[in-house]
C-alpha atoms as a PDB file:
ATOM      1  CA  MET A   1       8.802  10.032  12.067  1.00  0.00           C
ATOM      2  CA  SER A   2       6.967  13.302  11.738  1.00  0.00           C
ATOM      3  CA  LEU A   3       8.347  16.175   9.717  1.00  0.00           C
ATOM      4  CA  ARG A   4       8.519  18.385  12.783  1.00  0.00           C
ATOM      5  CA  LEU A   5      10.569  15.839  14.746  1.00  0.00           C
ATOM      6  CA  ARG A   6      12.873  15.285  11.780  1.00  0.00           C
ATOM      7  CA  HIS A   7      13.459  19.036  11.501  1.00  0.00           C
ATOM      8  CA  ALA A   8      14.184  19.269  15.236  1.00  0.00           C
ATOM      9  CA  LEU A   9      16.713  16.445  14.937  1.00  0.00           C
ATOM     10  CA  HIS A  10      18.437  18.148  11.990  1.00  0.00           C
ATOM     11  CA  VAL A  11      18.660  21.400  13.946  1.00  0.00           C
ATOM     12  CA  ALA A  12      20.039  19.571  16.987  1.00  0.00           C
ATOM     13  CA  TRP A  13      22.665  17.725  14.934  1.00  0.00           C
ATOM     14  CA  GLY A  14      23.625  20.896  13.088  1.00  0.00           C
ATOM     15  CA  THR A  15      23.957  22.846  16.329  1.00  0.00           C
ATOM     16  CA  ALA A  16      26.083  20.095  17.868  1.00  0.00           C
ATOM     17  CA  ALA A  17      28.320  19.949  14.785  1.00  0.00           C
ATOM     18  CA  ILE A  18      28.803  23.729  14.727  1.00  0.00           C
ATOM     19  CA  ALA A  19      29.582  23.805  18.467  1.00  0.00           C
ATOM     20  CA  ALA A  20      32.101  20.976  18.032  1.00  0.00           C
ATOM     21  CA  VAL A  21      33.848  22.779  15.167  1.00  0.00           C
ATOM     22  CA  TRP A  22      33.989  26.017  17.188  1.00  0.00           C
ATOM     23  CA  LEU A  23      35.474  24.228  20.199  1.00  0.00           C
ATOM     24  CA  LEU A  24      37.914  22.098  18.195  1.00  0.00           C
ATOM     25  CA  SER A  25      39.135  25.068  16.164  1.00  0.00           C
ATOM     26  CA  THR A  26      40.251  26.847  19.329  1.00  0.00           C
ATOM     27  CA  GLU A  27      42.778  24.149  20.263  1.00  0.00           C
ATOM     28  CA  PRO A  28      45.555  24.723  17.682  1.00  0.00           C
ATOM     29  CA  TRP A  29      45.978  28.446  18.403  1.00  0.00           C
ATOM     30  CA  GLY A  30      44.992  28.680  22.031  1.00  0.00           C
ATOM     31  CA  LEU A  31      42.067  30.971  21.266  1.00  0.00           C
ATOM     32  CA  GLY A  32      38.887  30.820  23.253  1.00  0.00           C
ATOM     33  CA  ALA A  33      35.522  30.318  21.580  1.00  0.00           C
ATOM     34  CA  PHE A  34      34.627  33.837  22.742  1.00  0.00           C
ATOM     35  CA  GLN A  35      37.532  35.227  20.694  1.00  0.00           C
ATOM     36  CA  LEU A  36      36.038  33.697  17.544  1.00  0.00           C
ATOM     37  CA  VAL A  37      32.953  35.890  17.971  1.00  0.00           C
ATOM     38  CA  VAL A  38      34.735  38.784  16.228  1.00  0.00           C
ATOM     39  CA  PHE A  39      34.624  36.734  13.019  1.00  0.00           C
ATOM     40  CA  THR A  40      30.834  36.299  13.056  1.00  0.00           C
ATOM     41  CA  ALA A  41      30.100  39.567  11.234  1.00  0.00           C
ATOM     42  CA  PRO A  42      32.467  38.841   8.311  1.00  0.00           C
ATOM     43  CA  GLY A  43      31.127  35.277   8.238  1.00  0.00           C
ATOM     44  CA  ALA A  44      27.539  36.520   8.106  1.00  0.00           C
ATOM     45  CA  LEU A  45      28.385  38.924   5.286  1.00  0.00           C
ATOM     46  CA  LEU A  46      30.166  36.207   3.309  1.00  0.00           C
ATOM     47  CA  GLY A  47      27.191  33.875   3.788  1.00  0.00           C
ATOM     48  CA  LEU A  48      24.797  36.632   2.757  1.00  0.00           C
ATOM     49  CA  GLY A  49      26.834  37.438  -0.352  1.00  0.00           C
ATOM     50  CA  ALA A  50      27.075  33.798  -1.396  1.00  0.00           C
ATOM     51  CA  ALA A  51      23.335  33.242  -0.932  1.00  0.00           C
ATOM     52  CA  TRP A  52      22.499  36.434  -2.811  1.00  0.00           C
ATOM     53  CA  MET A  53      24.610  35.275  -5.738  1.00  0.00           C
ATOM     54  CA  ALA A  54      22.923  31.868  -5.573  1.00  0.00           C
ATOM     55  CA  HIS A  55      19.563  33.595  -6.120  1.00  0.00           C
ATOM     56  CA  VAL A  56      20.709  35.962  -8.855  1.00  0.00           C
ATOM     57  CA  ALA A  57      19.176  33.747 -11.566  1.00  0.00           C
ATOM     58  CA  SER A  58      15.802  33.694  -9.807  1.00  0.00           C
ATOM     59  CA  PRO A  59      15.358  36.951  -7.871  1.00  0.00           C
ATOM     60  CA  ASP A  60      11.750  36.085  -6.990  1.00  0.00           C
ATOM     61  CA  THR A  61      13.008  33.485  -4.511  1.00  0.00           C
ATOM     62  CA  TRP A  62      15.205  35.988  -2.600  1.00  0.00           C
ATOM     63  CA  THR A  63      13.306  36.946   0.538  1.00  0.00           C
ATOM     64  CA  TRP A  64      14.136  38.391   3.931  1.00  0.00           C
ATOM     65  CA  GLN A  65      13.824  34.901   5.373  1.00  0.00           C
ATOM     66  CA  THR A  66      16.376  33.595   2.864  1.00  0.00           C
ATOM     67  CA  ALA A  67      18.732  36.457   3.707  1.00  0.00           C
ATOM     68  CA  ARG A  68      18.353  35.857   7.440  1.00  0.00           C
ATOM     69  CA  ARG A  69      19.013  32.137   7.060  1.00  0.00           C
ATOM     70  CA  ALA A  70      22.113  32.792   4.933  1.00  0.00           C
ATOM     71  CA  ALA A  71      23.491  35.304   7.424  1.00  0.00           C
ATOM     72  CA  LEU A  72      22.871  32.925  10.347  1.00  0.00           C
ATOM     73  CA  ILE A  73      24.518  30.005   8.572  1.00  0.00           C
ATOM     74  CA  GLY A  74      27.496  32.105   7.477  1.00  0.00           C
ATOM     75  CA  GLY A  75      27.862  33.714  10.891  1.00  0.00           C
ATOM     76  CA  SER A  76      27.812  30.376  12.684  1.00  0.00           C
ATOM     77  CA  THR A  77      29.895  28.227  10.333  1.00  0.00           C
ATOM     78  CA  LEU A  78      32.532  30.550   8.876  1.00  0.00           C
ATOM     79  CA  PRO A  79      34.235  32.112  11.967  1.00  0.00           C
ATOM     80  CA  PRO A  80      36.498  29.084  12.642  1.00  0.00           C
ATOM     81  CA  LEU A  81      37.550  29.058   8.985  1.00  0.00           C
ATOM     82  CA  LEU A  82      38.181  32.799   8.972  1.00  0.00           C
ATOM     83  CA  ALA A  83      40.192  32.547  12.192  1.00  0.00           C
ATOM     84  CA  PHE A  84      42.265  29.791  10.601  1.00  0.00           C
ATOM     85  CA  LEU A  85      42.925  31.924   7.521  1.00  0.00           C
ATOM     86  CA  VAL A  86      43.896  34.909   9.652  1.00  0.00           C
ATOM     87  CA  ALA A  87      46.210  32.777  11.808  1.00  0.00           C
ATOM     88  CA  VAL A  88      47.950  31.135   8.859  1.00  0.00           C
ATOM     89  CA  ASP A  89      48.126  34.159   6.578  1.00  0.00           C
ATOM     90  CA  GLY A  90      48.807  36.615   9.409  1.00  0.00           C
ATOM     91  CA  ASN A  91      51.767  34.626  10.682  1.00  0.00           C
ATOM     92  CA  SER A  92      53.368  33.968   7.323  1.00  0.00           C
ATOM     93  CA  ARG A  93      52.552  37.204   5.463  1.00  0.00           C
ATOM     94  CA  PRO A  94      51.043  39.901   7.705  1.00  0.00           C
ATOM     95  CA  GLN A  95      51.255  42.502   4.937  1.00  0.00           C
ATOM     96  CA  ALA A  96      48.920  40.417   2.732  1.00  0.00           C
ATOM     97  CA  LEU A  97      46.210  39.834   5.338  1.00  0.00           C
ATOM     98  CA  LEU A  98      43.796  42.377   3.863  1.00  0.00           C
ATOM     99  CA  ALA A  99      44.150  40.807   0.430  1.00  0.00           C
ATOM    100  CA  GLY A 100      43.121  37.488   1.992  1.00  0.00           C
ATOM    101  CA  PHE A 101      39.848  38.994   3.177  1.00  0.00           C
ATOM    102  CA  VAL A 102      39.191  40.440  -0.270  1.00  0.00           C
ATOM    103  CA  TYR A 103      39.909  37.077  -1.895  1.00  0.00           C
ATOM    104  CA  ALA A 104      37.555  35.365   0.553  1.00  0.00           C
ATOM    105  CA  ALA A 105      34.773  37.759  -0.411  1.00  0.00           C
ATOM    106  CA  TRP A 106      35.326  37.063  -4.103  1.00  0.00           C
ATOM    107  CA  ILE A 107      35.381  33.321  -3.461  1.00  0.00           C
ATOM    108  CA  ALA A 108      32.049  33.599  -1.609  1.00  0.00           C
ATOM    109  CA  LEU A 109      30.502  35.486  -4.533  1.00  0.00           C
ATOM    110  CA  PHE A 110      31.925  32.976  -7.015  1.00  0.00           C
ATOM    111  CA  ALA A 111      30.612  30.037  -4.973  1.00  0.00           C
ATOM    112  CA  GLY A 112      27.167  31.659  -4.911  1.00  0.00           C
ATOM    113  CA  ALA A 113      27.267  32.159  -8.692  1.00  0.00           C
ATOM    114  CA  VAL A 114      28.207  28.512  -9.178  1.00  0.00           C
ATOM    115  CA  ALA A 115      25.302  27.482  -6.921  1.00  0.00           C
ATOM    116  CA  ALA A 116      22.964  29.671  -9.002  1.00  0.00           C
ATOM    117  CA  LEU A 117      24.223  28.094 -12.212  1.00  0.00           C
ATOM    118  CA  VAL A 118      23.761  24.581 -10.843  1.00  0.00           C
ATOM    119  CA  GLN A 119      20.252  25.457  -9.660  1.00  0.00           C
ATOM    120  CA  LYS A 120      19.408  26.980 -13.049  1.00  0.00           C
ATOM    121  CA  LEU A 121      20.690  23.908 -14.915  1.00  0.00           C
ATOM    122  CA  ARG A 122      18.733  21.618 -12.594  1.00  0.00           C
ATOM    123  CA  SER A 123      15.415  23.373 -13.269  1.00  0.00           C
END
């Protein structure tokens, strides 16, 4: 199997998996997939922050292409998770909802730092 075909298959499977998660995450709360779109910007920023932290040990590898890929991955995979956090935290403790977003940002930065450390130890 050629490398190009393998890449196309990975993209197709990834797209199908992301679409399935978006559609399945709408069922428990009665939200439409279109209503999850508002969470794409925070998801993209969280993905960008995590990837930036993952490259902090080797800044030469941080490029615009890396940033774009991180923002696309974060913006497409994190909205269902963010909607879940907002639904759970907003229903149980609406006064602490903003703190949940701040904690999520710190968790993204911490996860990126852990990825950078693992990459540094591997090389």
